Amino acid sequence: MYYNLKPCPHCGGEAYLERKHRAFINAQTTRVAFVRCTECNARSGRYKLEDYGTRNASTEAERLAVESWNRRV
């Protein structure tokens, strides 16, 4: 899915949506989505893909990450 991302509010660099697996204690893995700047590595908040139900979990988490990035000043 394509998202319209604003430039980084810190350096003006290009941003991209990233999905990662993060390992936690007891070998539990949580998948997260967030937006990151290619220049200065600034990030949006991280949104757990599992927190938004099962049908549209990825889409909802990605949408929230993009919205939080685009609201930054």
C-alpha atoms as a PDB file:
ATOM      1  CA  MET A   1       0.000   0.000   0.000  1.00  0.00           C
ATOM      2  CA  TYR A   2       1.242   3.506  -0.816  1.00  0.00           C
ATOM      3  CA  TYR A   3       1.239   6.227   1.839  1.00  0.00           C
ATOM      4  CA  ASN A   4       1.877   9.920   1.292  1.00  0.00           C
ATOM      5  CA  LEU A   5       4.621  10.765   3.803  1.00  0.00           C
ATOM      6  CA  LYS A   6       5.692  14.307   4.590  1.00  0.00           C
ATOM      7  CA  PRO A   7       9.413  15.135   4.702  1.00  0.00           C
ATOM      8  CA  CYS A   8      11.193  14.764   8.030  1.00  0.00           C
ATOM      9  CA  PRO A   9      10.278  17.639  10.365  1.00  0.00           C
ATOM     10  CA  HIS A  10      13.863  17.698  11.696  1.00  0.00           C
ATOM     11  CA  CYS A  11      16.041  17.605   8.589  1.00  0.00           C
ATOM     12  CA  GLY A  12      13.672  17.562   5.589  1.00  0.00           C
ATOM     13  CA  GLY A  13      14.839  14.076   4.562  1.00  0.00           C
ATOM     14  CA  GLU A  14      12.721  11.474   2.818  1.00  0.00           C
ATOM     15  CA  ALA A  15      10.686   9.155   5.026  1.00  0.00           C
ATOM     16  CA  TYR A  16       9.600   5.559   4.581  1.00  0.00           C
ATOM     17  CA  LEU A  17       7.289   3.117   6.331  1.00  0.00           C
ATOM     18  CA  GLU A  18       9.085   0.306   8.119  1.00  0.00           C
ATOM     19  CA  ARG A  19       7.787  -2.955   9.576  1.00  0.00           C
ATOM     20  CA  LYS A  20       9.973  -4.846  12.025  1.00  0.00           C
ATOM     21  CA  HIS A  21       9.956  -7.818  14.308  1.00  0.00           C
ATOM     22  CA  ARG A  22      11.170  -6.893  17.775  1.00  0.00           C
ATOM     23  CA  ALA A  23      12.291  -9.643  20.121  1.00  0.00           C
ATOM     24  CA  PHE A  24      11.246  -9.466  23.760  1.00  0.00           C
ATOM     25  CA  ILE A  25      11.880 -11.497  26.899  1.00  0.00           C
ATOM     26  CA  ASN A  26      10.907 -15.181  26.848  1.00  0.00           C
ATOM     27  CA  ALA A  27      11.338 -15.375  23.066  1.00  0.00           C
ATOM     28  CA  GLN A  28       8.100 -13.509  22.392  1.00  0.00           C
ATOM     29  CA  THR A  29       8.163 -11.485  19.195  1.00  0.00           C
ATOM     30  CA  THR A  30       6.105  -8.385  18.544  1.00  0.00           C
ATOM     31  CA  ARG A  31       5.704  -6.925  15.066  1.00  0.00           C
ATOM     32  CA  VAL A  32       5.651  -3.133  14.809  1.00  0.00           C
ATOM     33  CA  ALA A  33       5.159  -0.492  12.123  1.00  0.00           C
ATOM     34  CA  PHE A  34       6.680   2.984  12.168  1.00  0.00           C
ATOM     35  CA  VAL A  35       7.943   5.723   9.856  1.00  0.00           C
ATOM     36  CA  ARG A  36      11.667   6.514   9.722  1.00  0.00           C
ATOM     37  CA  CYS A  37      13.698   9.290   8.084  1.00  0.00           C
ATOM     38  CA  THR A  38      16.394   8.112   5.649  1.00  0.00           C
ATOM     39  CA  GLU A  39      18.705  10.979   6.624  1.00  0.00           C
ATOM     40  CA  CYS A  40      18.620  11.477  10.408  1.00  0.00           C
ATOM     41  CA  ASN A  41      16.767   8.280  11.481  1.00  0.00           C
ATOM     42  CA  ALA A  42      14.019  10.192  13.303  1.00  0.00           C
ATOM     43  CA  ARG A  43      11.027   7.906  13.901  1.00  0.00           C
ATOM     44  CA  SER A  44       7.318   8.107  14.469  1.00  0.00           C
ATOM     45  CA  GLY A  45       5.733   6.207  17.301  1.00  0.00           C
ATOM     46  CA  ARG A  46       5.779   2.422  17.022  1.00  0.00           C
ATOM     47  CA  TYR A  47       2.449   0.691  16.556  1.00  0.00           C
ATOM     48  CA  LYS A  48       2.083  -2.981  17.336  1.00  0.00           C
ATOM     49  CA  LEU A  49       0.539  -4.811  14.401  1.00  0.00           C
ATOM     50  CA  GLU A  50      -1.189  -7.263  16.733  1.00  0.00           C
ATOM     51  CA  ASP A  51      -3.041  -4.551  18.674  1.00  0.00           C
ATOM     52  CA  TYR A  52      -5.609  -3.820  16.004  1.00  0.00           C
ATOM     53  CA  GLY A  53      -7.484  -7.089  15.575  1.00  0.00           C
ATOM     54  CA  THR A  54      -6.737  -9.694  12.978  1.00  0.00           C
ATOM     55  CA  ARG A  55      -8.381  -8.674   9.702  1.00  0.00           C
ATOM     56  CA  ASN A  56      -6.807  -5.243   9.112  1.00  0.00           C
ATOM     57  CA  ALA A  57      -4.116  -5.205  11.784  1.00  0.00           C
ATOM     58  CA  SER A  58      -1.265  -4.303   9.450  1.00  0.00           C
ATOM     59  CA  THR A  59      -3.219  -1.636   7.604  1.00  0.00           C
ATOM     60  CA  GLU A  60      -4.455   0.029  10.791  1.00  0.00           C
ATOM     61  CA  ALA A  61      -1.031   0.057  12.469  1.00  0.00           C
ATOM     62  CA  GLU A  62       0.592   1.425   9.314  1.00  0.00           C
ATOM     63  CA  ARG A  63      -2.087   4.111   8.967  1.00  0.00           C
ATOM     64  CA  LEU A  64      -1.548   5.226  12.578  1.00  0.00           C
ATOM     65  CA  ALA A  65       2.231   5.368  12.123  1.00  0.00           C
ATOM     66  CA  VAL A  66       1.823   7.498   8.983  1.00  0.00           C
ATOM     67  CA  GLU A  67      -0.696   9.807  10.652  1.00  0.00           C
ATOM     68  CA  SER A  68       1.551  10.334  13.670  1.00  0.00           C
ATOM     69  CA  TRP A  69       4.518  11.110  11.369  1.00  0.00           C
ATOM     70  CA  ASN A  70       2.571  13.542   9.213  1.00  0.00           C
ATOM     71  CA  ARG A  71       1.242  15.435  12.283  1.00  0.00           C
ATOM     72  CA  ARG A  72       4.719  16.243  13.607  1.00  0.00           C
ATOM     73  CA  VAL A  73       5.943  19.815  13.419  1.00  0.00           C
END
